């Protein structure tokens, strides 16, 4: 029996490259899932696909909820709907994320605001909403899908880097507040993965380019490592060999952290 069997898990960004894999693997772990994303049609498609997949455990999808997490109101509406569906969320996986590429000064202001709202402010809002219930139960788990860009600054993805540095800082700070209440935190750091984020919109004169295929990690492997880290309640999960390599390089060779990763 998995540590996640029977656990009620809220997964944001459920239709994305990581999200889709999280759904399948968490169902295999026997989890009870509430899925959310912006696109209701895509959510229904994911749920329909999963019904046709045979799972070796008692995992199920409790509900799919279309929500706009870029606003406080959207986060509050999601929380209220979850309260109507179940008595409490055991694990909140903040997986939703977006990226823009290009020179920072050429990127429209509303675009980098959106990155901050989805990647950083939404996890903060949702944590603030769900934490009181977790504290009252003296149990719960906050999970944050970060990035290698959360500790290694990546030029031409400046706003994304700021959002992920912020998310890493938030996750580390909140861990010190909630651990005494029986609540765990896990922050996951993947490298480039073969998801649609590699096709993110470019702005201005600097155009994005796909990384070398040898540097791209299969999302299934990253999610599998992430779930193992969640089950073991690890504070930090370096989800692939490249992330682990860069983590140690910036410790022993600080200049690496000053170079853009393109």
Protein backbone atom coordinates (compact mmCIF):
# COMPACT_ATOMS: atom_id res chain seq x y z
CA UNK A 1 0.00 0.00 0.00
CA UNK A 2 1.32 3.44 -0.96
CA UNK A 3 1.75 6.31 1.48
CA UNK A 4 -0.66 8.18 -0.80
CA UNK A 5 -3.39 5.54 -0.89
CA UNK A 6 -6.68 7.14 0.05
CA UNK A 7 -5.17 10.63 0.34
CA UNK A 8 -7.18 13.49 -1.11
CA UNK A 9 -4.89 15.46 -3.41
CA UNK A 10 -5.56 18.77 -5.17
CA UNK A 11 -3.45 19.08 -8.31
CA UNK A 12 -3.17 22.41 -10.14
CA UNK A 13 -2.08 22.58 -13.77
CA UNK A 14 -3.59 19.13 -14.25
CA UNK A 15 -3.74 19.24 -18.06
CA UNK A 16 -0.10 20.19 -18.67
CA UNK A 17 2.88 17.99 -19.42
CA UNK A 18 3.69 17.31 -15.78
CA UNK A 19 0.05 17.48 -14.73
CA UNK A 20 -1.08 14.69 -17.02
CA UNK A 21 1.69 12.42 -15.70
CA UNK A 22 0.91 13.35 -12.11
CA UNK A 23 -2.72 12.31 -12.63
CA UNK A 24 -1.84 8.88 -13.98
CA UNK A 25 0.87 8.10 -11.45
CA UNK A 26 -1.10 9.39 -8.46
CA UNK A 27 -4.05 7.23 -9.50
CA UNK A 28 -1.67 4.29 -9.56
CA UNK A 29 -0.71 5.24 -6.00
CA UNK A 30 -4.36 5.00 -4.94
CA UNK A 31 -4.92 8.72 -4.41
CA UNK A 32 -8.27 10.51 -4.58
CA UNK A 33 -7.77 13.45 -6.94
CA UNK A 34 -9.30 16.87 -7.46
CA UNK A 35 -7.96 18.29 -10.70
CA UNK A 36 -7.91 21.94 -11.66
CA UNK A 37 -6.75 23.97 -14.65
CA UNK A 38 -7.97 26.90 -16.70
CA UNK A 39 -9.27 24.93 -19.69
CA UNK A 40 -12.44 23.03 -18.75
CA UNK A 41 -12.49 21.07 -22.02
CA UNK A 42 -8.92 19.89 -21.51
CA UNK A 43 -9.75 18.89 -17.93
CA UNK A 44 -12.71 16.80 -19.07
CA UNK A 45 -10.49 15.16 -21.69
CA UNK A 46 -7.88 14.18 -19.08
CA UNK A 47 -10.56 12.77 -16.80
CA UNK A 48 -12.11 10.83 -19.68
CA UNK A 49 -8.75 9.40 -20.74
CA UNK A 50 -7.99 8.25 -17.22
CA UNK A 51 -11.29 6.39 -16.96
CA UNK A 52 -10.13 4.21 -19.85
CA UNK A 53 -6.82 3.36 -18.19
CA UNK A 54 -6.61 0.32 -15.95
CA UNK A 55 -5.14 1.11 -12.53
CA UNK A 56 -3.90 -1.44 -10.04
CA UNK A 57 -5.20 0.44 -7.02
CA UNK A 58 -8.21 2.28 -5.68
CA UNK A 59 -7.29 5.72 -7.02
CA UNK A 60 -10.06 7.87 -8.45
CA UNK A 61 -10.85 11.36 -9.70
CA UNK A 62 -13.27 13.03 -7.29
CA UNK A 63 -13.82 16.14 -9.39
CA UNK A 64 -12.46 18.44 -12.08
CA UNK A 65 -12.68 22.18 -11.48
CA UNK A 66 -11.98 24.90 -14.02
CA UNK A 67 -10.32 27.81 -12.23
CA UNK A 68 -8.28 30.91 -13.01
CA UNK A 69 -5.48 30.87 -10.46
CA UNK A 70 -4.05 34.15 -11.69
CA UNK A 71 -6.56 35.98 -9.48
CA UNK A 72 -7.30 35.96 -5.77
CA UNK A 73 -10.96 35.39 -6.59
CA UNK A 74 -10.11 32.32 -8.66
CA UNK A 75 -8.09 30.83 -5.80
CA UNK A 76 -10.90 31.52 -3.33
CA UNK A 77 -13.50 29.95 -5.63
CA UNK A 78 -11.33 26.84 -6.00
CA UNK A 79 -10.99 26.54 -2.22
CA UNK A 80 -14.75 26.90 -1.73
CA UNK A 81 -15.51 24.22 -4.34
CA UNK A 82 -13.02 21.84 -2.74
CA UNK A 83 -14.74 22.36 0.64
CA UNK A 84 -18.02 21.30 -0.98
CA UNK A 85 -16.44 18.15 -2.42
CA UNK A 86 -14.50 16.77 0.53
CA UNK A 87 -13.82 17.31 4.22
CA UNK A 88 -10.21 18.31 3.64
CA UNK A 89 -7.24 18.27 1.28
CA UNK A 90 -4.37 16.07 2.44
CA UNK A 91 -1.87 17.14 -0.22
CA UNK A 92 -1.83 20.35 -2.26
CA UNK A 93 0.39 20.03 -5.34
CA UNK A 94 1.12 23.47 -6.80
CA UNK A 95 2.05 22.32 -10.27
CA UNK A 96 0.62 25.07 -12.53
CA UNK A 97 3.25 27.22 -14.18
CA UNK A 98 3.96 29.32 -17.28
CA UNK A 99 7.03 30.87 -18.92
CA UNK A 100 7.85 33.72 -21.29
CA UNK A 101 11.08 33.98 -23.27
CA UNK A 102 13.02 37.03 -24.50
CA UNK A 103 14.75 40.17 -23.27
CA UNK A 104 13.06 41.35 -20.09
CA UNK A 105 12.73 44.94 -21.31
CA UNK A 106 11.00 43.76 -24.50
CA UNK A 107 8.45 41.56 -22.73
CA UNK A 108 5.03 43.20 -22.22
CA UNK A 109 4.43 44.08 -18.58
CA UNK A 110 1.13 42.21 -18.43
CA UNK A 111 2.91 39.02 -19.54
CA UNK A 112 5.45 39.04 -16.74
CA UNK A 113 2.74 39.95 -14.23
CA UNK A 114 0.86 36.83 -15.38
CA UNK A 115 3.95 34.68 -14.84
CA UNK A 116 4.28 35.97 -11.28
CA UNK A 117 0.57 35.50 -10.60
CA UNK A 118 0.51 31.87 -11.75
CA UNK A 119 3.95 30.68 -10.64
CA UNK A 120 4.30 32.46 -7.28
CA UNK A 121 1.19 34.24 -6.05
CA UNK A 122 -1.22 31.36 -6.76
CA UNK A 123 0.76 28.88 -4.59
CA UNK A 124 0.93 31.52 -1.86
CA UNK A 125 -2.82 32.22 -2.03
CA UNK A 126 -3.75 28.54 -2.08
CA UNK A 127 -1.40 27.74 0.79
CA UNK A 128 -2.94 30.54 2.85
CA UNK A 129 -6.43 29.20 2.12
CA UNK A 130 -5.79 25.52 2.83
CA UNK A 131 -3.32 25.85 5.71
CA UNK A 132 -5.87 26.67 8.47
CA UNK A 133 -7.70 23.39 7.79
CA UNK A 134 -4.42 21.45 7.77
CA UNK A 135 -3.30 23.11 10.99
CA UNK A 136 -6.61 22.25 12.64
CA UNK A 137 -6.15 18.57 11.62
CA UNK A 138 -2.42 18.66 12.48
CA UNK A 139 -1.64 17.04 9.15
CA UNK A 140 -1.14 18.03 5.54
CA UNK A 141 1.44 18.39 2.81
CA UNK A 142 2.27 21.39 0.61
CA UNK A 143 4.09 20.56 -2.63
CA UNK A 144 5.68 23.15 -4.91
CA UNK A 145 6.78 22.41 -8.46
CA UNK A 146 9.80 24.69 -8.76
CA UNK A 147 12.64 24.48 -11.30
CA UNK A 148 16.40 24.48 -11.68
CA UNK A 149 15.69 28.18 -12.36
CA UNK A 150 14.77 28.44 -8.69
CA UNK A 151 18.45 28.39 -7.76
CA UNK A 152 20.26 29.01 -11.07
CA UNK A 153 19.38 32.30 -12.77
CA UNK A 154 18.44 31.78 -16.42
CA UNK A 155 18.78 34.81 -18.67
CA UNK A 156 16.04 35.52 -21.23
CA UNK A 157 13.65 33.79 -18.82
CA UNK A 158 14.07 36.52 -16.24
CA UNK A 159 10.53 36.74 -14.91
CA UNK A 160 10.27 32.96 -14.77
CA UNK A 161 13.51 32.84 -12.78
CA UNK A 162 12.26 35.52 -10.37
CA UNK A 163 9.03 33.58 -9.85
CA UNK A 164 10.87 30.33 -9.15
CA UNK A 165 13.45 31.92 -6.84
CA UNK A 166 10.47 33.40 -5.00
CA UNK A 167 8.67 30.06 -4.88
CA UNK A 168 11.75 28.35 -3.47
CA UNK A 169 12.08 31.07 -0.82
CA UNK A 170 8.41 30.83 0.06
CA UNK A 171 8.50 27.06 0.39
CA UNK A 172 11.57 27.16 2.64
CA UNK A 173 10.16 29.93 4.83
CA UNK A 174 6.70 28.39 5.20
CA UNK A 175 8.26 25.04 6.11
CA UNK A 176 9.65 26.61 9.27
CA UNK A 177 6.20 27.86 10.22
CA UNK A 178 4.12 24.73 9.63
CA UNK A 179 6.35 21.80 10.53
CA UNK A 180 5.46 22.08 14.21
CA UNK A 181 1.80 21.59 13.20
CA UNK A 182 2.50 18.24 11.55
CA UNK A 183 2.51 19.70 8.03
CA UNK A 184 5.19 18.73 5.52
CA UNK A 185 6.54 20.66 2.54
CA UNK A 186 8.24 19.37 -0.58
CA UNK A 187 9.85 21.50 -3.29
CA UNK A 188 10.67 19.83 -6.60
CA UNK A 189 13.36 21.06 -9.00
CA UNK A 190 13.25 19.66 -12.55
CA UNK A 191 15.56 20.55 -15.44
CA UNK A 192 14.25 20.96 -18.99
CA UNK A 193 11.44 18.50 -19.57
CA UNK A 194 9.71 17.46 -22.77
CA UNK A 195 6.54 19.47 -22.15
CA UNK A 196 4.79 22.38 -23.85
CA UNK A 197 6.68 24.87 -21.69
CA UNK A 198 9.53 24.44 -24.20
CA UNK A 199 7.15 25.99 -26.76
CA UNK A 200 6.45 29.06 -24.65
CA UNK A 201 5.92 32.39 -26.40
CA UNK A 202 8.94 34.55 -27.23
CA UNK A 203 8.75 38.34 -27.10
CA UNK A 204 10.93 40.94 -28.81
CA UNK A 205 14.10 40.32 -30.78
CA UNK A 206 15.32 37.32 -28.78
CA UNK A 207 13.68 34.14 -30.01
CA UNK A 208 13.44 30.95 -27.99
CA UNK A 209 15.07 27.78 -29.21
CA UNK A 210 14.61 24.18 -28.18
CA UNK A 211 17.46 22.83 -26.01
CA UNK A 212 19.63 20.00 -27.24
CA UNK A 213 17.64 16.77 -27.14
CA UNK A 214 20.27 15.19 -24.89
CA UNK A 215 19.44 17.75 -22.18
CA UNK A 216 15.68 17.15 -22.21
CA UNK A 217 14.28 14.83 -19.55
CA UNK A 218 11.18 12.69 -19.97
CA UNK A 219 8.40 14.13 -17.79
CA UNK A 220 7.36 10.65 -16.61
CA UNK A 221 10.74 10.21 -14.94
CA UNK A 222 10.59 13.61 -13.26
CA UNK A 223 7.09 13.00 -11.92
CA UNK A 224 8.04 9.53 -10.69
CA UNK A 225 10.96 11.01 -8.75
CA UNK A 226 8.72 13.82 -7.48
CA UNK A 227 6.10 11.40 -6.16
CA UNK A 228 8.73 9.31 -4.40
CA UNK A 229 9.99 12.49 -2.75
CA UNK A 230 6.45 13.42 -1.70
CA UNK A 231 5.88 9.97 -0.20
CA UNK A 232 9.13 10.26 1.76
CA UNK A 233 8.26 13.86 2.75
CA UNK A 234 11.57 15.23 1.53
CA UNK A 235 11.96 19.00 1.78
CA UNK A 236 13.81 19.24 -1.54
CA UNK A 237 13.69 16.89 -4.52
CA UNK A 238 16.29 17.34 -7.27
CA UNK A 239 14.33 15.49 -9.90
CA UNK A 240 16.98 14.51 -12.47
CA UNK A 241 20.76 14.19 -12.90
CA UNK A 242 21.20 17.63 -14.51
CA UNK A 243 19.46 19.42 -11.67
CA UNK A 244 21.60 17.60 -9.10
CA UNK A 245 24.72 18.44 -11.10
CA UNK A 246 23.94 22.17 -11.25
CA UNK A 247 22.98 22.23 -7.56
CA UNK A 248 26.45 21.01 -6.61
CA UNK A 249 28.22 23.12 -9.21
CA UNK A 250 26.84 26.38 -7.85
CA UNK A 251 27.97 25.34 -4.38
CA UNK A 252 31.56 24.67 -5.38
CA UNK A 253 31.88 26.91 -8.44
CA UNK A 254 29.77 30.03 -7.82
CA UNK A 255 30.55 31.55 -11.21
CA UNK A 256 28.29 28.93 -12.81
CA UNK A 257 25.33 30.64 -11.17
CA UNK A 258 26.17 33.87 -13.04
CA UNK A 259 26.02 32.36 -16.49
CA UNK A 260 22.84 32.16 -18.56
CA UNK A 261 21.50 28.72 -19.35
CA UNK A 262 20.11 28.89 -22.89
